[in-house]
Amino acid sequence: MTSHIQIATGLAKIGTFLRSQQWRQAEASALTPTQAQILIHLVARGPERVTVVADEIAVTQPTASDAVGALVRKGHVTKKPDPEDARAIRLHPTAKGRGAAKELAVWPDALLEAVDTLDIVEQAAFVRGLTKMIQALQVRGAVPVQHMCATCQHFRPYAHSDADKPHHCDFVDAAFGDASLRLDCSDYTEAAQHEGSTNWIHFLSSGSRPARHKE
């Protein structure tokens, strides 16, 4: 079996474990996995229109609408007029919903313990590899745009000479390394096309330094 098939197989096995955990967590809260995913998303990202939520979690709008309806009936979500468009509605998590989302967003101990078996170098390589894979899926249109460091306007790859912390985040004005690359950041702002492409090339080239850097 070739290495890329091995990796895909491994990811599929981890995905199977995560799906089973999602069902267990959701059932404990009397929610479906889709309802739980929407609730966690709203708490993490703030009020959104149902169309946006559907795109973000990669489900159809009818599926998202059905799940939202159930969340409203259960008191986890309320609907309020969109301040940017009086004809539209935004979904807001309630206090009850925030409490449920906090419990649902906790990663399984078994998964965290498995991650802890990787040393810092392995973790950095793993996060970098996941970033590249997710970007490839985005380019193919297989997943919606993810809020990753590598495609954010605040990201400055290889802005520093420190091998442990070569990158820079303008938003928090701090240096960081591959192990700290975020795959889902609440402070994300998508980079302009040219800047994003330039940063991505620098990120992939590993050892090169961009013309624009910050020390």
Protein backbone atom coordinates (compact mmCIF):
# COMPACT_ATOMS: atom_id res chain seq x y z
CA MET A 1 0.00 0.00 0.00
CA THR A 2 1.48 3.38 -1.02
CA SER A 3 2.12 6.08 1.57
CA HIS A 4 -0.66 8.41 0.41
CA ILE A 5 -3.19 5.56 0.70
CA GLN A 6 -1.79 4.77 4.15
CA ILE A 7 -2.34 8.38 5.25
CA ALA A 8 -5.86 8.47 3.80
CA THR A 9 -6.66 5.20 5.56
CA GLY A 10 -5.34 6.53 8.85
CA LEU A 11 -7.36 9.73 8.57
CA ALA A 12 -10.48 7.70 7.77
CA LYS A 13 -9.99 5.62 10.92
CA ILE A 14 -9.62 8.75 13.04
CA GLY A 15 -12.71 10.14 11.32
CA THR A 16 -14.67 7.02 12.27
CA PHE A 17 -13.67 7.50 15.91
CA LEU A 18 -14.65 11.19 15.86
CA ARG A 19 -18.05 10.46 14.28
CA SER A 20 -18.84 7.90 16.95
CA GLN A 21 -17.86 10.39 19.65
CA GLN A 22 -19.99 13.10 18.06
CA TRP A 23 -23.03 10.82 18.15
CA ARG A 24 -22.42 9.94 21.80
CA GLN A 25 -21.94 13.58 22.84
CA ALA A 26 -24.93 14.77 20.83
CA GLU A 27 -27.23 12.06 22.15
CA ALA A 28 -26.22 12.92 25.73
CA SER A 29 -27.43 16.48 25.04
CA ALA A 30 -30.57 15.32 23.19
CA LEU A 31 -29.21 16.78 19.94
CA THR A 32 -28.25 15.32 16.59
CA PRO A 33 -24.65 15.72 15.38
CA THR A 34 -25.79 18.38 12.88
CA GLN A 35 -27.62 20.33 15.57
CA ALA A 36 -24.57 20.11 17.82
CA GLN A 37 -22.27 21.25 15.01
CA ILE A 38 -24.46 24.28 14.25
CA LEU A 39 -24.65 25.25 17.91
CA ILE A 40 -20.87 24.99 18.38
CA HIS A 41 -20.36 27.03 15.20
CA LEU A 42 -22.70 29.83 16.32
CA VAL A 43 -21.02 30.09 19.72
CA ALA A 44 -17.54 30.13 18.19
CA ARG A 45 -18.24 32.51 15.29
CA GLY A 46 -21.17 34.58 16.50
CA PRO A 47 -24.65 35.15 14.99
CA GLU A 48 -25.00 34.00 11.38
CA ARG A 49 -27.63 33.54 8.71
CA VAL A 50 -28.71 29.96 8.14
CA THR A 51 -27.30 30.04 4.59
CA VAL A 52 -23.87 30.97 5.94
CA VAL A 53 -24.03 28.26 8.61
CA ALA A 54 -24.99 25.66 6.00
CA ASP A 55 -21.98 26.61 3.85
CA GLU A 56 -19.60 26.65 6.81
CA ILE A 57 -20.49 23.17 8.07
CA ALA A 58 -20.94 21.76 4.54
CA VAL A 59 -24.59 20.68 4.68
CA THR A 60 -27.54 21.59 2.46
CA GLN A 61 -29.68 24.57 3.41
CA PRO A 62 -32.79 22.39 4.01
CA THR A 63 -30.77 20.19 6.37
CA ALA A 64 -29.46 23.24 8.23
CA SER A 65 -32.96 24.78 8.38
CA ASP A 66 -34.43 21.60 9.88
CA ALA A 67 -31.65 21.44 12.48
CA VAL A 68 -32.06 25.13 13.33
CA GLY A 69 -35.80 24.65 13.77
CA ALA A 70 -35.13 21.91 16.32
CA LEU A 71 -32.57 24.08 18.13
CA VAL A 72 -35.10 26.91 18.36
CA ARG A 73 -37.76 24.58 19.77
CA LYS A 74 -35.30 23.27 22.34
CA GLY A 75 -34.38 26.78 23.47
CA HIS A 76 -30.77 26.68 22.25
CA VAL A 77 -31.13 29.26 19.48
CA THR A 78 -33.22 32.37 18.82
CA LYS A 79 -33.87 34.18 15.55
CA LYS A 80 -33.40 37.94 15.31
CA PRO A 81 -33.49 40.46 12.44
CA ASP A 82 -30.18 40.93 10.66
CA PRO A 83 -28.97 44.50 11.39
CA GLU A 84 -27.51 44.63 7.87
CA ASP A 85 -30.71 43.53 6.15
CA ALA A 86 -34.13 43.83 7.82
CA ARG A 87 -35.52 41.13 5.51
CA ALA A 88 -32.99 38.57 6.72
CA ILE A 89 -32.65 36.64 9.98
CA ARG A 90 -29.61 35.82 12.05
CA LEU A 91 -29.32 32.90 14.44
CA HIS A 92 -28.23 33.69 18.01
CA PRO A 93 -27.27 31.08 20.62
CA THR A 94 -29.12 31.45 23.93
CA ALA A 95 -27.52 31.09 27.36
CA LYS A 96 -28.78 27.50 27.39
CA GLY A 97 -27.26 26.96 23.97
CA ARG A 98 -23.91 28.38 25.02
CA GLY A 99 -23.82 26.04 27.98
CA ALA A 100 -24.57 23.03 25.79
CA ALA A 101 -21.99 24.09 23.20
CA LYS A 102 -19.31 24.40 25.86
CA GLU A 103 -19.86 20.78 26.86
CA LEU A 104 -20.05 19.57 23.26
CA ALA A 105 -16.87 21.37 22.17
CA VAL A 106 -14.65 19.39 24.56
CA TRP A 107 -12.39 17.00 22.65
CA PRO A 108 -12.44 13.36 23.80
CA ASP A 109 -9.71 12.49 26.31
CA ALA A 110 -8.69 9.52 24.16
CA LEU A 111 -7.95 11.81 21.21
CA LEU A 112 -6.00 14.33 23.31
CA GLU A 113 -3.96 11.50 24.83
CA ALA A 114 -3.24 10.17 21.34
CA VAL A 115 -2.00 13.62 20.25
CA ASP A 116 0.22 13.76 23.34
CA THR A 117 2.10 10.70 22.08
CA LEU A 118 3.57 12.95 19.36
CA ASP A 119 6.61 15.03 20.31
CA ILE A 120 6.75 18.73 19.43
CA VAL A 121 8.53 18.10 16.11
CA GLU A 122 5.95 15.50 15.08
CA GLN A 123 3.10 17.78 16.12
CA ALA A 124 4.53 20.65 14.06
CA ALA A 125 4.92 18.43 10.99
CA PHE A 126 1.40 17.05 11.46
CA VAL A 127 -0.22 20.49 11.72
CA ARG A 128 1.72 21.71 8.70
CA GLY A 129 0.65 18.65 6.73
CA LEU A 130 -3.00 19.10 7.71
CA THR A 131 -2.82 22.75 6.64
CA LYS A 132 -1.58 21.73 3.18
CA MET A 133 -4.22 19.03 2.83
CA ILE A 134 -7.08 21.34 3.86
CA GLN A 135 -5.86 24.00 1.44
CA ALA A 136 -5.84 21.43 -1.37
CA LEU A 137 -9.42 20.46 -0.53
CA GLN A 138 -10.42 24.14 -0.56
CA VAL A 139 -8.87 24.68 -3.98
CA ARG A 140 -10.88 21.72 -5.30
CA GLY A 141 -14.05 23.13 -3.75
CA ALA A 142 -14.44 19.99 -1.63
CA VAL A 143 -14.68 22.00 1.61
CA PRO A 144 -15.61 25.63 2.34
CA VAL A 145 -12.87 28.15 3.11
CA GLN A 146 -11.44 27.32 6.52
CA HIS A 147 -10.24 29.93 9.00
CA MET A 148 -6.59 28.87 8.86
CA CYS A 149 -3.48 30.90 9.61
CA ALA A 150 -2.01 30.08 6.22
CA THR A 151 -4.78 31.90 4.30
CA CYS A 152 -5.31 34.77 6.75
CA GLN A 153 -4.38 38.38 6.03
CA HIS A 154 -2.67 38.58 9.43
CA PHE A 155 -0.27 35.70 8.61
CA ARG A 156 3.38 36.46 7.76
CA PRO A 157 5.21 33.20 6.93
CA TYR A 158 8.93 33.08 7.69
CA ALA A 159 9.01 36.66 8.91
CA HIS A 160 11.61 35.77 11.58
CA SER A 161 14.99 34.04 11.57
CA ASP A 162 14.12 31.96 14.66
CA ALA A 163 13.74 28.38 13.40
CA ASP A 164 11.37 27.52 16.27
CA LYS A 165 9.12 30.55 15.70
CA PRO A 166 9.57 31.71 12.10
CA HIS A 167 6.03 32.98 11.42
CA HIS A 168 4.32 36.15 12.61
CA CYS A 169 0.69 36.98 13.37
CA ASP A 170 -0.04 40.68 12.91
CA PHE A 171 -3.33 40.39 14.80
CA VAL A 172 -1.67 39.50 18.12
CA ASP A 173 1.77 40.81 17.09
CA ALA A 174 3.57 37.60 18.03
CA ALA A 175 5.91 35.06 16.49
CA PHE A 176 5.00 31.36 16.37
CA GLY A 177 5.99 28.04 14.84
CA ASP A 178 4.30 25.35 12.77
CA ALA A 179 2.98 23.54 15.86
CA SER A 180 0.92 26.65 16.71
CA LEU A 181 -0.60 27.10 13.24
CA ARG A 182 -4.35 27.42 13.69
CA LEU A 183 -6.77 25.50 11.50
CA ASP A 184 -9.83 27.36 12.84
CA CYS A 185 -9.30 30.86 14.26
CA SER A 186 -12.08 33.19 15.42
CA ASP A 187 -9.92 36.22 14.48
CA TYR A 188 -9.49 35.06 10.88
CA THR A 189 -9.79 37.49 7.98
CA GLU A 190 -9.30 36.03 4.51
CA ALA A 191 -6.29 37.50 2.73
CA ALA A 192 -6.67 39.28 -0.59
CA GLN A 193 -6.05 36.93 -3.50
CA HIS A 194 -2.58 38.21 -4.46
CA GLU A 195 -1.34 38.49 -0.89
CA GLY A 196 -2.80 35.10 0.01
CA SER A 197 -1.13 33.42 -2.99
CA THR A 198 2.22 35.05 -2.19
CA ASN A 199 2.07 34.04 1.46
CA TRP A 200 1.08 30.49 0.53
CA ILE A 201 4.07 30.15 -1.81
CA HIS A 202 6.41 31.39 0.95
CA PHE A 203 4.81 29.02 3.42
CA LEU A 204 5.32 26.03 1.11
CA SER A 205 8.89 26.97 0.26
CA SER A 206 9.80 26.43 3.92
CA GLY A 207 13.25 28.02 4.01
CA SER A 208 12.68 31.14 1.93
CA ARG A 209 11.94 34.51 3.46
CA PRO A 210 9.32 36.90 2.08
CA ALA A 211 10.33 40.36 0.99
CA ARG A 212 8.01 41.84 3.61
CA HIS A 213 9.12 40.73 7.04
CA LYS A 214 8.88 41.82 10.62
CA GLU A 215 11.59 41.40 13.28
